[in-house]
Amino acid sequence: MNKEYTAVIKQDGNWWIGWIEEVPGVNCQEPTHEELLKSLKVTLQEALEFNRQDALAALKSGYKEEKIAI
C-alpha cells in the first residue's frame, strides 16, 4: 500500500518550515527546501513507528493487527 501524506511548507526568512497535515507533531525547520523535505520524511517515519510501538506496548497481549485502507 502506497502511503501519502501532505506536507505544508513555506519559506520564512532564511529558513524553510513545514509540517505534515495528517500527523500532529510532525514539523521541521531547515535552511533549504530539499533538506526540509528530507527532514519531514524522516520525522514522519519515526513518528509513525513510535506511535505503532506505543500502541502495541499499551496492549501487551491478546490483540490482532489488521490492515485497513481509506
N, C-alpha and C. Protein backbone atom coordinates (compact mmCIF):
# COMPACT_ATOMS: atom_id res chain seq x y z
N MET A 1 0.85 -1.18 0.00
CA MET A 1 0.00 0.00 0.00
C MET A 1 0.89 1.24 0.00
N ASN A 2 0.64 2.11 -0.93
CA ASN A 2 1.39 3.36 -1.02
C ASN A 2 0.76 4.37 -0.07
N LYS A 3 1.56 4.89 0.83
CA LYS A 3 1.05 5.87 1.79
C LYS A 3 1.54 7.26 1.40
N GLU A 4 0.61 8.18 1.32
CA GLU A 4 0.96 9.55 1.00
C GLU A 4 0.43 10.47 2.08
N TYR A 5 1.20 11.49 2.38
CA TYR A 5 0.84 12.49 3.38
C TYR A 5 1.05 13.86 2.75
N THR A 6 0.47 14.87 3.35
CA THR A 6 0.56 16.22 2.81
C THR A 6 1.50 17.07 3.65
N ALA A 7 2.56 17.55 3.02
CA ALA A 7 3.50 18.45 3.69
C ALA A 7 3.08 19.89 3.36
N VAL A 8 2.91 20.69 4.40
CA VAL A 8 2.63 22.11 4.24
C VAL A 8 3.96 22.82 4.49
N ILE A 9 4.43 23.57 3.50
CA ILE A 9 5.75 24.19 3.63
C ILE A 9 5.71 25.66 3.23
N LYS A 10 6.63 26.41 3.82
CA LYS A 10 6.79 27.80 3.41
C LYS A 10 8.17 28.29 3.83
N GLN A 11 8.64 29.28 3.11
CA GLN A 11 9.91 29.91 3.46
C GLN A 11 9.62 31.06 4.39
N ASP A 12 10.39 31.14 5.48
CA ASP A 12 10.23 32.19 6.47
C ASP A 12 11.61 32.78 6.73
N GLY A 13 11.89 33.87 6.06
CA GLY A 13 13.23 34.45 6.15
C GLY A 13 14.24 33.52 5.49
N ASN A 14 15.28 33.16 6.24
CA ASN A 14 16.31 32.25 5.71
C ASN A 14 15.99 30.78 5.95
N TRP A 15 14.85 30.48 6.50
CA TRP A 15 14.50 29.11 6.86
C TRP A 15 13.28 28.63 6.09
N TRP A 16 13.23 27.32 5.89
CA TRP A 16 12.05 26.65 5.37
C TRP A 16 11.41 25.92 6.53
N ILE A 17 10.12 26.11 6.71
CA ILE A 17 9.41 25.43 7.79
C ILE A 17 8.29 24.60 7.18
N GLY A 18 7.95 23.51 7.86
CA GLY A 18 6.89 22.67 7.32
C GLY A 18 6.38 21.69 8.34
N TRP A 19 5.22 21.14 8.05
CA TRP A 19 4.61 20.13 8.91
C TRP A 19 3.77 19.21 8.05
N ILE A 20 3.40 18.07 8.64
CA ILE A 20 2.56 17.09 7.97
C ILE A 20 1.13 17.29 8.45
N GLU A 21 0.22 17.57 7.55
CA GLU A 21 -1.17 17.87 7.91
C GLU A 21 -1.83 16.74 8.69
N GLU A 22 -1.60 15.51 8.28
CA GLU A 22 -2.33 14.37 8.82
C GLU A 22 -1.80 13.84 10.15
N VAL A 23 -0.59 14.25 10.55
CA VAL A 23 0.01 13.70 11.76
C VAL A 23 0.48 14.85 12.66
N PRO A 24 -0.28 15.14 13.71
CA PRO A 24 0.10 16.23 14.62
C PRO A 24 1.49 15.99 15.22
N GLY A 25 2.25 17.05 15.34
CA GLY A 25 3.56 16.96 15.97
C GLY A 25 4.71 16.73 15.01
N VAL A 26 4.42 16.44 13.75
CA VAL A 26 5.49 16.25 12.78
C VAL A 26 5.73 17.58 12.09
N ASN A 27 6.75 18.29 12.57
CA ASN A 27 7.10 19.58 11.99
C ASN A 27 8.61 19.74 12.02
N CYS A 28 9.14 20.48 11.06
CA CYS A 28 10.59 20.64 10.93
C CYS A 28 10.93 22.03 10.42
N GLN A 29 12.20 22.37 10.55
CA GLN A 29 12.73 23.64 10.06
C GLN A 29 14.12 23.35 9.52
N GLU A 30 14.40 23.78 8.31
CA GLU A 30 15.70 23.55 7.67
C GLU A 30 16.09 24.76 6.82
N PRO A 31 17.37 24.88 6.50
CA PRO A 31 17.80 26.03 5.70
C PRO A 31 17.46 25.94 4.21
N THR A 32 17.15 24.75 3.69
CA THR A 32 16.79 24.62 2.28
C THR A 32 15.52 23.80 2.13
N HIS A 33 14.85 24.00 1.00
CA HIS A 33 13.63 23.26 0.67
C HIS A 33 13.91 21.75 0.63
N GLU A 34 14.99 21.37 -0.01
CA GLU A 34 15.33 19.95 -0.15
C GLU A 34 15.59 19.32 1.22
N GLU A 35 16.34 20.00 2.07
CA GLU A 35 16.61 19.47 3.41
C GLU A 35 15.33 19.36 4.24
N LEU A 36 14.43 20.32 4.06
CA LEU A 36 13.16 20.28 4.78
C LEU A 36 12.37 19.04 4.39
N LEU A 37 12.25 18.75 3.10
CA LEU A 37 11.50 17.57 2.67
C LEU A 37 12.12 16.29 3.21
N LYS A 38 13.44 16.20 3.19
CA LYS A 38 14.12 15.01 3.75
C LYS A 38 13.85 14.89 5.24
N SER A 39 13.94 15.99 5.95
CA SER A 39 13.74 16.01 7.39
C SER A 39 12.30 15.64 7.75
N LEU A 40 11.34 16.15 7.00
CA LEU A 40 9.93 15.82 7.23
C LEU A 40 9.69 14.33 7.02
N LYS A 41 10.30 13.77 5.99
CA LYS A 41 10.12 12.34 5.70
C LYS A 41 10.67 11.48 6.83
N VAL A 42 11.87 11.79 7.29
CA VAL A 42 12.48 11.03 8.39
C VAL A 42 11.66 11.18 9.67
N THR A 43 11.25 12.41 9.97
CA THR A 43 10.48 12.67 11.18
C THR A 43 9.13 11.97 11.13
N LEU A 44 8.49 11.96 9.97
CA LEU A 44 7.21 11.26 9.81
C LEU A 44 7.39 9.76 10.03
N GLN A 45 8.41 9.18 9.43
CA GLN A 45 8.67 7.75 9.60
C GLN A 45 8.89 7.41 11.07
N GLU A 46 9.68 8.22 11.75
CA GLU A 46 9.95 7.99 13.17
C GLU A 46 8.69 8.12 14.01
N ALA A 47 7.86 9.12 13.72
CA ALA A 47 6.63 9.33 14.48
C ALA A 47 5.66 8.17 14.29
N LEU A 48 5.51 7.70 13.07
CA LEU A 48 4.61 6.58 12.81
C LEU A 48 5.08 5.31 13.52
N GLU A 49 6.37 5.05 13.47
CA GLU A 49 6.91 3.87 14.15
C GLU A 49 6.77 3.99 15.66
N PHE A 50 7.05 5.16 16.20
CA PHE A 50 6.90 5.37 17.65
C PHE A 50 5.45 5.17 18.06
N ASN A 51 4.51 5.75 17.30
CA ASN A 51 3.09 5.60 17.62
C ASN A 51 2.67 4.14 17.57
N ARG A 52 3.18 3.41 16.59
CA ARG A 52 2.86 1.99 16.46
C ARG A 52 3.38 1.22 17.66
N GLN A 53 4.63 1.42 18.00
CA GLN A 53 5.23 0.72 19.15
C GLN A 53 4.51 1.07 20.44
N ASP A 54 4.16 2.33 20.61
CA ASP A 54 3.47 2.78 21.80
C ASP A 54 2.08 2.13 21.92
N ALA A 55 1.38 2.05 20.82
CA ALA A 55 0.04 1.43 20.82
C ALA A 55 0.13 -0.05 21.16
N LEU A 56 1.09 -0.75 20.59
CA LEU A 56 1.22 -2.18 20.86
C LEU A 56 1.69 -2.44 22.28
N ALA A 57 2.56 -1.61 22.79
CA ALA A 57 3.04 -1.78 24.16
C ALA A 57 1.92 -1.60 25.17
N ALA A 58 0.99 -0.74 24.88
CA ALA A 58 -0.13 -0.50 25.78
C ALA A 58 -1.07 -1.71 25.85
N LEU A 59 -1.10 -2.49 24.78
CA LEU A 59 -2.00 -3.64 24.74
C LEU A 59 -1.40 -4.88 25.40
N LYS A 60 -0.09 -4.99 25.40
CA LYS A 60 0.66 -6.12 25.97
C LYS A 60 0.37 -7.44 25.27
N SER A 61 -0.86 -7.94 25.29
CA SER A 61 -1.16 -9.21 24.62
C SER A 61 -2.63 -9.28 24.28
N GLY A 62 -3.00 -10.33 23.54
CA GLY A 62 -4.40 -10.56 23.21
C GLY A 62 -4.94 -9.66 22.12
N TYR A 63 -4.09 -9.11 21.29
CA TYR A 63 -4.55 -8.22 20.23
C TYR A 63 -4.32 -8.85 18.87
N LYS A 64 -4.99 -8.31 17.88
CA LYS A 64 -4.86 -8.74 16.49
C LYS A 64 -4.64 -7.49 15.65
N GLU A 65 -3.69 -7.55 14.75
CA GLU A 65 -3.45 -6.44 13.85
C GLU A 65 -4.14 -6.70 12.51
N GLU A 66 -4.84 -5.71 12.00
CA GLU A 66 -5.48 -5.82 10.69
C GLU A 66 -5.21 -4.55 9.90
N LYS A 67 -4.90 -4.69 8.63
CA LYS A 67 -4.66 -3.55 7.75
C LYS A 67 -5.98 -2.99 7.28
N ILE A 68 -6.07 -1.68 7.23
CA ILE A 68 -7.23 -1.00 6.66
C ILE A 68 -6.73 0.08 5.69
N ALA A 69 -7.52 0.39 4.74
CA ALA A 69 -7.19 1.44 3.79
C ALA A 69 -8.38 2.36 3.64
N ILE A 70 -8.11 3.64 3.42
CA ILE A 70 -9.20 4.58 3.22
C ILE A 70 -9.03 5.26 1.88
